[in-house]
Amino acid sequence: MNVSVQSVPERAVSARNLANCPACGQAAAGGCVEIPDHEYALAFLARYSECADCGSLFQEPMPSLRQLAVFYPPDYHSMTHAGLLSSIRNRLRIARLRKLAPKEGAILDYGCGDGAFLVEATRGFSGRPLWGYEIADRPEKKVLADGAVTIVKGALTDLLAQLPQCGLITLNHVIEHLPDPEATVRALVDKLGVGGVFEGQTPAADSLERSVFGTRWSGYHAPRHTVVFSRAGLRRFLERCGLVAPVTQAAFNPAGLAVSLASLPHANGGRIRRSGFGWLIWLAMAGFLGPVDLLSGRPGVVNFCARKPAV
């Protein structure tokens, strides 16, 4: 399929002075683009401003937590864990975390869903306390895997009141969903021990994939993604939150590219079903094009990592 920038243009609908960028913290002039929901066909048009300083994107106005809650349908894809692709992603993620995790301290998966990944991770982190957190209307605590995994649901304060000092905090496609990422990340960094690692995976606003697919780029994931960081913006953000030596690297995520491809037929949003033969076709195309993305120097998805310094 021949896709050009001209075929799926991303046109700014306005140009104005922006509020402070959630990524770099700078006030800058830039444009605003409207993005429909290409995955779940919600009747909502999200408006994203682009920071002229670091190139990150953010919703303006920023939705509240209550507004965000209605953007996630009951069949939202992160609540299902079956399938070969999910298993491959989990194994790759566990291998990455084993290389990064200090030998001491708890491991927190912030935005853990039902905790399925943490249960699988017990095989790679035997004897380590594994914690998970998921936002919920009321506090709840669950213990899984014969006590190896503790899941806290509720407000962030409910987690912080119970969470021990951590050696590693991981956010897998979570940081881009937060309406106030700086407040959340600073609170989590306070729970990291000296030399502790803060890491995750997120789409990159300065990607080749966004240049090609425009408003149909999966990284918008409108209206659920609140802040889509550029690589430079993400590194500056991590430093502003008290972390040092931030690094971003290209990540393997064929599902994201498959969603971009599957969005091409949508004129004003639409529905993508991540199952069946049609989805396999999009995944196969994404697998074929994936090396181009990884080798472009402008990946659609990045892994990020930074450390907490000594005081």
Protein backbone atom coordinates (compact mmCIF):
# COMPACT_ATOMS: atom_id res chain seq x y z
CA MET A 1 0.00 0.00 0.00
CA ASN A 2 1.49 3.31 -1.10
CA VAL A 3 0.93 5.90 1.64
CA SER A 4 2.26 9.43 1.34
CA VAL A 5 2.18 12.43 3.61
CA GLN A 6 -0.09 14.12 1.07
CA SER A 7 -2.64 11.28 1.12
CA VAL A 8 -3.35 11.57 4.83
CA PRO A 9 -2.50 15.18 5.70
CA GLU A 10 -2.36 16.53 9.23
CA ARG A 11 -3.68 20.06 8.96
CA ALA A 12 -3.53 22.52 11.83
CA VAL A 13 -6.99 23.92 12.49
CA SER A 14 -5.68 26.90 14.42
CA ALA A 15 -2.51 28.63 15.46
CA ARG A 16 -2.23 30.35 18.83
CA ASN A 17 -0.21 30.76 21.97
CA LEU A 18 -0.11 27.54 23.93
CA ALA A 19 -0.30 26.86 27.63
CA ASN A 20 2.88 25.47 29.15
CA CYS A 21 3.83 22.22 27.46
CA PRO A 22 3.39 19.25 29.87
CA ALA A 23 6.59 17.74 28.47
CA CYS A 24 9.23 20.51 28.45
CA GLY A 25 7.38 23.08 30.55
CA GLN A 26 7.86 25.86 28.01
CA ALA A 27 5.19 28.17 26.64
CA ALA A 28 5.37 28.19 22.87
CA ALA A 29 3.34 29.17 19.82
CA GLY A 30 1.97 26.30 17.79
CA GLY A 31 -0.97 24.82 15.96
CA CYS A 32 -3.88 22.63 16.98
CA VAL A 33 -5.18 19.56 15.14
CA GLU A 34 -8.48 17.73 15.63
CA ILE A 35 -8.38 13.92 15.80
CA PRO A 36 -11.40 11.55 15.79
CA ASP A 37 -11.46 8.13 17.44
CA HIS A 38 -10.18 5.65 14.84
CA GLU A 39 -10.33 2.58 17.12
CA TYR A 40 -13.58 2.56 19.10
CA ALA A 41 -15.68 5.07 17.12
CA LEU A 42 -16.47 7.28 20.12
CA ALA A 43 -18.32 10.45 19.19
CA PHE A 44 -15.62 12.79 20.48
CA LEU A 45 -13.18 15.01 18.61
CA ALA A 46 -9.94 15.51 20.55
CA ARG A 47 -7.89 18.67 19.97
CA TYR A 48 -4.10 18.33 20.23
CA SER A 49 -1.69 21.24 20.47
CA GLU A 50 1.91 20.80 19.36
CA CYS A 51 4.71 22.41 21.34
CA ALA A 52 6.88 24.48 19.01
CA ASP A 53 9.80 24.04 21.42
CA CYS A 54 10.05 20.26 21.91
CA GLY A 55 7.50 18.91 19.42
CA SER A 56 5.36 17.07 21.98
CA LEU A 57 1.58 16.91 21.61
CA PHE A 58 -1.06 17.43 24.28
CA GLN A 59 -4.82 17.72 24.47
CA GLU A 60 -6.16 21.23 24.96
CA PRO A 61 -8.36 21.52 26.84
CA MET A 62 -7.00 18.67 28.93
CA PRO A 63 -9.76 16.19 29.88
CA SER A 64 -10.38 15.46 33.56
CA LEU A 65 -10.06 11.99 35.07
CA ARG A 66 -13.85 11.74 35.09
CA GLN A 67 -14.00 12.60 31.39
CA LEU A 68 -11.22 10.16 30.57
CA ALA A 69 -13.04 7.33 32.33
CA VAL A 70 -15.83 7.34 29.73
CA PHE A 71 -13.34 7.07 26.85
CA TYR A 72 -12.48 3.44 27.72
CA PRO A 73 -15.13 0.95 26.53
CA PRO A 74 -15.64 -2.41 28.31
CA ASP A 75 -13.82 -4.23 25.49
CA TYR A 76 -10.76 -1.96 25.60
CA HIS A 77 -7.82 -3.90 24.18
CA SER A 78 -5.48 -3.73 27.20
CA MET A 79 -7.94 -5.82 29.23
CA THR A 80 -7.32 -8.88 27.08
CA HIS A 81 -4.07 -10.81 27.32
CA ALA A 82 -4.53 -13.87 25.15
CA GLY A 83 -2.69 -14.48 21.92
CA LEU A 84 0.80 -14.98 20.57
CA LEU A 85 1.55 -11.28 20.13
CA SER A 86 0.71 -10.54 23.76
CA SER A 87 2.93 -13.41 24.90
CA ILE A 88 5.84 -12.15 22.78
CA ARG A 89 5.45 -8.61 24.13
CA ASN A 90 5.43 -9.89 27.71
CA ARG A 91 8.58 -11.95 27.21
CA LEU A 92 10.40 -9.02 25.61
CA ARG A 93 9.31 -6.71 28.39
CA ILE A 94 10.40 -9.11 31.13
CA ALA A 95 13.80 -9.52 29.47
CA ARG A 96 14.19 -5.73 29.30
CA LEU A 97 13.23 -5.26 32.94
CA ARG A 98 15.62 -7.98 34.13
CA LYS A 99 18.50 -6.04 32.57
CA LEU A 100 17.41 -2.76 34.17
CA ALA A 101 16.18 -3.70 37.63
CA PRO A 102 18.50 -3.09 40.59
CA LYS A 103 18.96 -6.06 42.89
CA GLU A 104 17.02 -4.49 45.76
CA GLY A 105 13.65 -2.84 46.20
CA ALA A 106 10.13 -3.62 45.05
CA ILE A 107 9.06 -3.51 41.41
CA LEU A 108 5.95 -1.47 40.55
CA ASP A 109 3.96 -1.83 37.33
CA TYR A 110 1.96 1.41 37.25
CA GLY A 111 -1.13 0.85 35.12
CA CYS A 112 -1.06 -2.93 35.47
CA GLY A 113 -4.61 -3.73 34.35
CA ASP A 114 -5.67 -6.98 35.97
CA GLY A 115 -2.09 -7.89 36.91
CA ALA A 116 -1.65 -10.63 34.31
CA PHE A 117 1.77 -9.34 33.26
CA LEU A 118 3.01 -9.26 36.86
CA VAL A 119 1.87 -12.83 37.44
CA GLU A 120 3.84 -13.89 34.37
CA ALA A 121 6.81 -11.81 35.56
CA THR A 122 7.08 -13.79 38.81
CA ARG A 123 9.05 -16.39 36.85
CA GLY A 124 11.67 -13.78 35.97
CA PHE A 125 11.78 -12.08 39.36
CA SER A 126 11.54 -14.91 41.83
CA GLY A 127 11.54 -13.66 45.41
CA ARG A 128 11.12 -9.99 44.48
CA PRO A 129 8.03 -8.12 45.75
CA LEU A 130 5.95 -7.20 42.69
CA TRP A 131 3.35 -4.45 42.97
CA GLY A 132 0.76 -3.18 40.53
CA TYR A 133 -1.54 -0.18 40.43
CA GLU A 134 -4.71 0.61 38.52
CA ILE A 135 -6.97 3.62 38.95
CA ALA A 136 -10.45 2.88 40.34
CA ASP A 137 -13.40 4.64 41.96
CA ARG A 138 -12.88 2.92 45.31
CA PRO A 139 -9.82 1.49 47.12
CA GLU A 140 -9.17 -2.22 46.72
CA LYS A 141 -6.21 -4.50 47.36
CA LYS A 142 -5.61 -7.93 45.84
CA VAL A 143 -2.86 -10.47 46.40
CA LEU A 144 -2.03 -12.83 43.52
CA ALA A 145 0.47 -15.57 42.67
CA ASP A 146 0.62 -16.99 46.21
CA GLY A 147 1.50 -13.60 47.67
CA ALA A 148 4.18 -12.63 45.14
CA VAL A 149 2.02 -9.93 43.51
CA THR A 150 0.11 -7.14 45.25
CA ILE A 151 -2.39 -5.08 43.25
CA VAL A 152 -3.67 -1.77 44.61
CA LYS A 153 -6.67 -0.08 43.00
CA GLY A 154 -8.05 3.35 43.78
CA ALA A 155 -6.47 6.81 43.84
CA LEU A 156 -2.72 7.39 43.61
CA THR A 157 -2.70 8.26 47.32
CA ASP A 158 -4.06 4.77 48.08
CA LEU A 159 -1.02 3.28 46.35
CA LEU A 160 1.53 5.62 47.91
CA ALA A 161 0.25 4.86 51.41
CA GLN A 162 1.13 1.16 51.00
CA LEU A 163 3.92 0.97 48.45
CA PRO A 164 7.39 0.11 49.83
CA GLN A 165 10.57 1.66 48.45
CA CYS A 166 11.07 0.59 44.86
CA GLY A 167 14.09 -0.36 42.84
CA LEU A 168 12.18 -0.22 39.57
CA ILE A 169 8.98 1.53 38.45
CA THR A 170 7.66 0.67 35.00
CA LEU A 171 4.90 2.32 32.94
CA ASN A 172 4.04 0.38 29.79
CA HIS A 173 1.94 2.64 27.53
CA VAL A 174 0.65 4.55 30.54
CA ILE A 175 2.44 7.91 30.73
CA GLU A 176 0.63 9.12 27.60
CA HIS A 177 -2.75 8.51 29.29
CA LEU A 178 -2.15 10.79 32.30
CA PRO A 179 -3.87 14.21 32.43
CA ASP A 180 -1.13 15.52 34.79
CA PRO A 181 1.93 13.38 34.10
CA GLU A 182 4.34 15.61 36.02
CA ALA A 183 2.42 15.35 39.31
CA THR A 184 2.11 11.58 38.95
CA VAL A 185 5.73 10.95 37.98
CA ARG A 186 7.13 13.19 40.72
CA ALA A 187 5.07 11.28 43.32
CA LEU A 188 6.36 7.96 41.96
CA VAL A 189 9.97 9.15 41.86
CA ASP A 190 9.70 9.87 45.59
CA LYS A 191 9.14 6.13 46.06
CA LEU A 192 12.31 5.19 44.17
CA GLY A 193 15.46 4.38 46.10
CA VAL A 194 18.77 6.00 45.14
CA GLY A 195 19.85 4.55 41.82
CA GLY A 196 16.33 3.26 41.22
CA VAL A 197 15.14 2.94 37.64
CA PHE A 198 12.09 4.60 36.07
CA GLU A 199 11.24 3.09 32.71
CA GLY A 200 8.46 2.49 30.22
CA GLN A 201 7.25 2.48 26.65
CA THR A 202 5.28 5.18 24.83
CA PRO A 203 4.60 6.51 21.30
CA ALA A 204 6.90 9.22 19.94
CA ALA A 205 5.40 12.39 18.46
CA ASP A 206 8.45 13.03 16.24
CA SER A 207 8.14 9.68 14.47
CA LEU A 208 8.29 8.80 10.80
CA GLU A 209 5.03 6.94 11.32
CA ARG A 210 3.21 10.13 12.33
CA SER A 211 4.66 11.97 9.32
CA VAL A 212 3.29 9.26 7.02
CA PHE A 213 -0.12 8.61 8.59
CA GLY A 214 -1.00 12.09 9.85
CA THR A 215 -4.28 12.20 11.76
CA ARG A 216 -4.61 8.43 11.35
CA TRP A 217 -1.41 7.75 13.31
CA SER A 218 -2.08 5.27 16.11
CA GLY A 219 0.04 7.28 18.57
CA TYR A 220 -2.77 9.80 18.98
CA HIS A 221 -5.12 7.05 20.20
CA ALA A 222 -7.63 9.88 20.53
CA PRO A 223 -9.22 10.74 22.84
CA ARG A 224 -7.43 8.48 25.35
CA HIS A 225 -3.87 9.80 24.93
CA THR A 226 -3.50 13.09 26.76
CA VAL A 227 0.21 13.84 26.18
CA VAL A 228 2.23 12.32 23.34
CA PHE A 229 5.89 13.06 23.99
CA SER A 230 8.57 13.67 21.41
CA ARG A 231 11.84 11.94 22.23
CA ALA A 232 13.50 15.24 23.22
CA GLY A 233 10.41 16.31 25.15
CA LEU A 234 10.34 13.02 27.05
CA ARG A 235 13.99 13.29 28.07
CA ARG A 236 13.46 16.86 29.27
CA PHE A 237 10.32 15.80 31.12
CA LEU A 238 12.13 13.03 33.01
CA GLU A 239 14.88 15.45 34.03
CA ARG A 240 12.30 17.98 35.23
CA CYS A 241 10.82 15.24 37.43
CA GLY A 242 14.14 14.72 39.23
CA LEU A 243 15.63 11.87 37.20
CA VAL A 244 19.01 11.72 35.49
CA ALA A 245 20.57 10.08 32.41
CA PRO A 246 17.32 9.74 30.44
CA VAL A 247 17.55 7.51 27.38
CA THR A 248 15.06 6.72 24.62
CA GLN A 249 15.41 3.79 22.21
CA ALA A 250 13.33 2.38 19.37
CA ALA A 251 10.83 -0.24 20.53
CA PHE A 252 9.23 -3.24 18.85
CA ASN A 253 5.47 -2.69 18.72
CA PRO A 254 3.82 -4.01 15.53
CA ALA A 255 0.31 -3.53 16.94
CA GLY A 256 0.73 0.26 16.87
CA LEU A 257 1.74 0.24 13.21
CA ALA A 258 -1.12 -2.18 12.45
CA VAL A 259 -3.61 0.28 13.97
CA SER A 260 -2.21 3.09 11.81
CA LEU A 261 -2.65 0.93 8.72
CA ALA A 262 -6.14 -0.18 9.72
CA SER A 263 -7.16 3.47 10.23
CA LEU A 264 -6.42 4.43 6.62
CA PRO A 265 -9.95 3.66 5.33
CA HIS A 266 -11.53 5.85 8.04
CA ALA A 267 -12.63 9.28 6.84
CA ASN A 268 -13.91 10.57 10.18
CA GLY A 269 -13.02 7.90 12.70
CA GLY A 270 -14.13 4.31 12.89
CA ARG A 271 -13.83 0.97 14.62
CA ILE A 272 -10.90 -1.48 14.58
CA ARG A 273 -11.43 -5.01 15.86
CA ARG A 274 -8.20 -6.54 17.13
CA SER A 275 -9.23 -10.09 16.30
CA GLY A 276 -10.01 -12.27 13.32
CA PHE A 277 -8.50 -12.61 9.88
CA GLY A 278 -8.65 -8.89 9.07
CA TRP A 279 -6.55 -8.00 12.10
CA LEU A 280 -4.01 -10.69 11.16
CA ILE A 281 -3.65 -9.07 7.74
CA TRP A 282 -2.90 -5.67 9.29
CA LEU A 283 -0.41 -7.28 11.68
CA ALA A 284 1.33 -9.06 8.81
CA MET A 285 1.67 -5.78 6.92
CA ALA A 286 2.99 -4.12 10.07
CA GLY A 287 5.52 -6.90 10.52
CA PHE A 288 6.73 -6.38 6.96
CA LEU A 289 7.07 -2.60 7.42
CA GLY A 290 8.37 -2.77 11.01
CA PRO A 291 12.09 -2.87 10.13
CA VAL A 292 11.71 0.40 8.22
CA ASP A 293 10.30 2.01 11.35
CA LEU A 294 13.02 0.59 13.61
CA LEU A 295 15.84 1.62 11.30
CA SER A 296 14.47 5.04 10.36
CA GLY A 297 15.94 6.83 13.38
CA ARG A 298 12.42 8.16 14.05
CA PRO A 299 10.59 5.23 15.67
CA GLY A 300 6.85 5.25 16.24
CA VAL A 301 7.24 3.81 19.74
CA VAL A 302 10.14 4.20 22.16
CA ASN A 303 11.39 2.61 25.36
CA PHE A 304 12.54 5.16 27.89
CA CYS A 305 14.69 4.85 30.99
CA ALA A 306 16.14 7.17 33.65
CA ARG A 307 17.55 6.85 37.17
CA LYS A 308 17.08 8.54 40.51
CA PRO A 309 20.28 10.31 41.56
CA ALA A 310 21.86 10.45 44.99
CA VAL A 311 20.76 13.52 46.94
